[in-house]
Amino acid sequence: MAKPTQSELKILQILWDQGPSSVRDVHEIISENKEAGYTTTLKLMQIMAEKGHAFRDTSSRTHIYSASMSEQEAKKDILSSFISSTFKGSATSLVLQALGNNETSQEDLDEIKKLISQIEKTK
């Protein structure tokens, strides 16, 4: 399955947050932050259904769309692909790059240490 585009990810985020929704529902949320045509939203959602990124329930006059994957599954898949293509498969390189390019708060560092500790316990 092809990776979702940025526009498709925005729609998926709405579907994850709101649950199954009509095109009109999704379009109204998108329109709060960006000017977009209804037909553009409709076409994107139809393409997402064709690609397998969304399910379309056509049992009623108003078609209802839902995400075909969980948010966690999508993030894992996208991140895995990103690490593979950008960091030659090295999660370490990704983490070092991220931590080196940003000011990391003590709270974030504590959370990272906690996660590392949890991972070490499971190995």
C-alpha atoms as a PDB file:
ATOM      1  CA  MET A   1       0.000   0.000   0.000  1.00  0.00           C
ATOM      2  CA  ALA A   2       1.346   3.446  -0.936  1.00  0.00           C
ATOM      3  CA  LYS A   3       2.137   5.816   1.904  1.00  0.00           C
ATOM      4  CA  PRO A   4      -0.460   8.537   2.565  1.00  0.00           C
ATOM      5  CA  THR A   5       0.325  12.001   1.228  1.00  0.00           C
ATOM      6  CA  GLN A   6       0.400  15.020   3.568  1.00  0.00           C
ATOM      7  CA  SER A   7      -3.175  15.924   2.598  1.00  0.00           C
ATOM      8  CA  GLU A   8      -4.308  12.358   3.180  1.00  0.00           C
ATOM      9  CA  LEU A   9      -2.592  12.327   6.581  1.00  0.00           C
ATOM     10  CA  LYS A  10      -4.552  15.436   7.575  1.00  0.00           C
ATOM     11  CA  ILE A  11      -7.782  13.664   6.665  1.00  0.00           C
ATOM     12  CA  LEU A  12      -6.690  10.503   8.480  1.00  0.00           C
ATOM     13  CA  GLN A  13      -5.939  12.590  11.582  1.00  0.00           C
ATOM     14  CA  ILE A  14      -9.498  13.921  11.471  1.00  0.00           C
ATOM     15  CA  LEU A  15     -10.891  10.400  11.052  1.00  0.00           C
ATOM     16  CA  TRP A  16      -8.785   9.172  13.987  1.00  0.00           C
ATOM     17  CA  ASP A  17      -9.882  12.068  16.178  1.00  0.00           C
ATOM     18  CA  GLN A  18     -13.562  12.196  15.154  1.00  0.00           C
ATOM     19  CA  GLY A  19     -14.233   8.593  14.187  1.00  0.00           C
ATOM     20  CA  PRO A  20     -16.265   7.656  11.098  1.00  0.00           C
ATOM     21  CA  SER A  21     -17.282  10.850   9.308  1.00  0.00           C
ATOM     22  CA  SER A  22     -18.937  12.175   6.188  1.00  0.00           C
ATOM     23  CA  VAL A  23     -17.052  14.206   3.605  1.00  0.00           C
ATOM     24  CA  ARG A  24     -18.948  17.294   4.803  1.00  0.00           C
ATOM     25  CA  ASP A  25     -17.829  16.708   8.413  1.00  0.00           C
ATOM     26  CA  VAL A  26     -14.184  16.331   7.346  1.00  0.00           C
ATOM     27  CA  HIS A  27     -14.395  19.305   4.995  1.00  0.00           C
ATOM     28  CA  GLU A  28     -15.762  21.580   7.739  1.00  0.00           C
ATOM     29  CA  ILE A  29     -12.806  20.744   9.991  1.00  0.00           C
ATOM     30  CA  ILE A  30     -10.275  21.240   7.189  1.00  0.00           C
ATOM     31  CA  SER A  31     -11.889  24.572   6.278  1.00  0.00           C
ATOM     32  CA  GLU A  32     -11.316  25.911   9.801  1.00  0.00           C
ATOM     33  CA  ASN A  33      -7.565  26.159   9.101  1.00  0.00           C
ATOM     34  CA  LYS A  34      -7.270  26.247   5.337  1.00  0.00           C
ATOM     35  CA  GLU A  35      -9.383  27.289   2.408  1.00  0.00           C
ATOM     36  CA  ALA A  36     -10.292  24.143   0.534  1.00  0.00           C
ATOM     37  CA  GLY A  37     -13.037  23.243  -1.884  1.00  0.00           C
ATOM     38  CA  TYR A  38     -15.588  20.605  -0.937  1.00  0.00           C
ATOM     39  CA  THR A  39     -14.984  18.747  -4.195  1.00  0.00           C
ATOM     40  CA  THR A  40     -11.242  18.618  -3.427  1.00  0.00           C
ATOM     41  CA  THR A  41     -11.958  17.009  -0.048  1.00  0.00           C
ATOM     42  CA  LEU A  42     -14.412  14.606  -1.688  1.00  0.00           C
ATOM     43  CA  LYS A  43     -11.920  13.584  -4.377  1.00  0.00           C
ATOM     44  CA  LEU A  44      -9.131  13.081  -1.838  1.00  0.00           C
ATOM     45  CA  MET A  45     -11.329  10.866   0.294  1.00  0.00           C
ATOM     46  CA  GLN A  46     -12.427   8.847  -2.745  1.00  0.00           C
ATOM     47  CA  ILE A  47      -8.772   8.348  -3.699  1.00  0.00           C
ATOM     48  CA  MET A  48      -7.989   7.317  -0.112  1.00  0.00           C
ATOM     49  CA  ALA A  49     -10.703   4.659  -0.317  1.00  0.00           C
ATOM     50  CA  GLU A  50      -9.279   3.405  -3.632  1.00  0.00           C
ATOM     51  CA  LYS A  51      -5.761   3.249  -2.152  1.00  0.00           C
ATOM     52  CA  GLY A  52      -7.003   1.425   0.925  1.00  0.00           C
ATOM     53  CA  HIS A  53      -6.245   4.223   3.404  1.00  0.00           C
ATOM     54  CA  ALA A  54      -9.928   4.622   4.258  1.00  0.00           C
ATOM     55  CA  PHE A  55     -13.072   2.520   4.247  1.00  0.00           C
ATOM     56  CA  ARG A  56     -16.220   3.933   2.657  1.00  0.00           C
ATOM     57  CA  ASP A  57     -19.637   2.855   3.914  1.00  0.00           C
ATOM     58  CA  THR A  58     -22.090   3.338   1.051  1.00  0.00           C
ATOM     59  CA  SER A  59     -25.112   1.799   2.790  1.00  0.00           C
ATOM     60  CA  SER A  60     -26.827   5.184   3.149  1.00  0.00           C
ATOM     61  CA  ARG A  61     -27.171   8.251   0.947  1.00  0.00           C
ATOM     62  CA  THR A  62     -24.383  10.003   2.865  1.00  0.00           C
ATOM     63  CA  HIS A  63     -21.203   7.982   2.521  1.00  0.00           C
ATOM     64  CA  ILE A  64     -19.298   7.577   5.766  1.00  0.00           C
ATOM     65  CA  TYR A  65     -15.519   7.195   5.770  1.00  0.00           C
ATOM     66  CA  SER A  66     -13.305   5.672   8.432  1.00  0.00           C
ATOM     67  CA  ALA A  67      -9.558   5.147   8.662  1.00  0.00           C
ATOM     68  CA  SER A  68      -8.433   1.705   7.499  1.00  0.00           C
ATOM     69  CA  MET A  69      -5.479   1.692   9.897  1.00  0.00           C
ATOM     70  CA  SER A  70      -4.961   2.877  13.427  1.00  0.00           C
ATOM     71  CA  GLU A  71      -2.982   6.024  14.076  1.00  0.00           C
ATOM     72  CA  GLN A  72      -0.292   3.938  15.781  1.00  0.00           C
ATOM     73  CA  GLU A  73      -0.008   1.570  12.795  1.00  0.00           C
ATOM     74  CA  ALA A  74       0.304   4.478  10.375  1.00  0.00           C
ATOM     75  CA  LYS A  75       2.958   6.231  12.471  1.00  0.00           C
ATOM     76  CA  LYS A  76       4.954   3.015  12.806  1.00  0.00           C
ATOM     77  CA  ASP A  77       4.796   2.356   9.062  1.00  0.00           C
ATOM     78  CA  ILE A  78       5.673   5.916   8.060  1.00  0.00           C
ATOM     79  CA  LEU A  79       8.493   6.179  10.602  1.00  0.00           C
ATOM     80  CA  SER A  80       9.930   2.817   9.574  1.00  0.00           C
ATOM     81  CA  SER A  81       9.961   3.891   5.936  1.00  0.00           C
ATOM     82  CA  PHE A  82      11.490   7.264   6.864  1.00  0.00           C
ATOM     83  CA  ILE A  83      14.264   5.672   8.953  1.00  0.00           C
ATOM     84  CA  SER A  84      15.003   3.181   6.200  1.00  0.00           C
ATOM     85  CA  SER A  85      15.202   5.756   3.404  1.00  0.00           C
ATOM     86  CA  THR A  86      16.743   8.680   5.286  1.00  0.00           C
ATOM     87  CA  PHE A  87      18.931   7.110   7.979  1.00  0.00           C
ATOM     88  CA  LYS A  88      19.933   3.843   6.262  1.00  0.00           C
ATOM     89  CA  GLY A  89      17.786   1.910   8.715  1.00  0.00           C
ATOM     90  CA  SER A  90      19.450   3.330  11.839  1.00  0.00           C
ATOM     91  CA  ALA A  91      17.015   4.464  14.530  1.00  0.00           C
ATOM     92  CA  THR A  92      20.059   5.600  16.521  1.00  0.00           C
ATOM     93  CA  SER A  93      21.003   8.070  13.789  1.00  0.00           C
ATOM     94  CA  LEU A  94      17.455   9.415  13.775  1.00  0.00           C
ATOM     95  CA  VAL A  95      17.430   9.925  17.549  1.00  0.00           C
ATOM     96  CA  LEU A  96      20.888  11.533  17.589  1.00  0.00           C
ATOM     97  CA  GLN A  97      19.859  13.870  14.769  1.00  0.00           C
ATOM     98  CA  ALA A  98      16.618  14.810  16.500  1.00  0.00           C
ATOM     99  CA  LEU A  99      18.247  15.408  19.873  1.00  0.00           C
ATOM    100  CA  GLY A 100      21.205  17.261  18.368  1.00  0.00           C
ATOM    101  CA  ASN A 101      19.131  19.686  16.306  1.00  0.00           C
ATOM    102  CA  ASN A 102      16.658  20.728  18.976  1.00  0.00           C
ATOM    103  CA  GLU A 103      16.748  22.033  22.481  1.00  0.00           C
ATOM    104  CA  THR A 104      15.522  19.043  24.433  1.00  0.00           C
ATOM    105  CA  SER A 105      13.857  19.852  27.742  1.00  0.00           C
ATOM    106  CA  GLN A 106      14.712  17.997  30.918  1.00  0.00           C
ATOM    107  CA  GLU A 107      11.148  16.657  30.915  1.00  0.00           C
ATOM    108  CA  ASP A 108      11.661  15.192  27.432  1.00  0.00           C
ATOM    109  CA  LEU A 109      15.013  13.691  28.451  1.00  0.00           C
ATOM    110  CA  ASP A 110      13.417  12.091  31.531  1.00  0.00           C
ATOM    111  CA  GLU A 111      10.671  10.624  29.344  1.00  0.00           C
ATOM    112  CA  ILE A 112      13.261   9.259  26.899  1.00  0.00           C
ATOM    113  CA  LYS A 113      15.236   7.687  29.772  1.00  0.00           C
ATOM    114  CA  LYS A 114      12.043   6.102  31.096  1.00  0.00           C
ATOM    115  CA  LEU A 115      11.249   4.641  27.667  1.00  0.00           C
ATOM    116  CA  ILE A 116      14.783   3.268  27.279  1.00  0.00           C
ATOM    117  CA  SER A 117      14.521   1.669  30.706  1.00  0.00           C
ATOM    118  CA  GLN A 118      11.202   0.030  29.757  1.00  0.00           C
ATOM    119  CA  ILE A 119      12.661  -1.274  26.497  1.00  0.00           C
ATOM    120  CA  GLU A 120      15.688  -2.700  28.292  1.00  0.00           C
ATOM    121  CA  LYS A 121      13.458  -4.554  30.754  1.00  0.00           C
ATOM    122  CA  THR A 122      11.625  -6.330  27.915  1.00  0.00           C
ATOM    123  CA  LYS A 123      14.808  -7.577  26.245  1.00  0.00           C
END
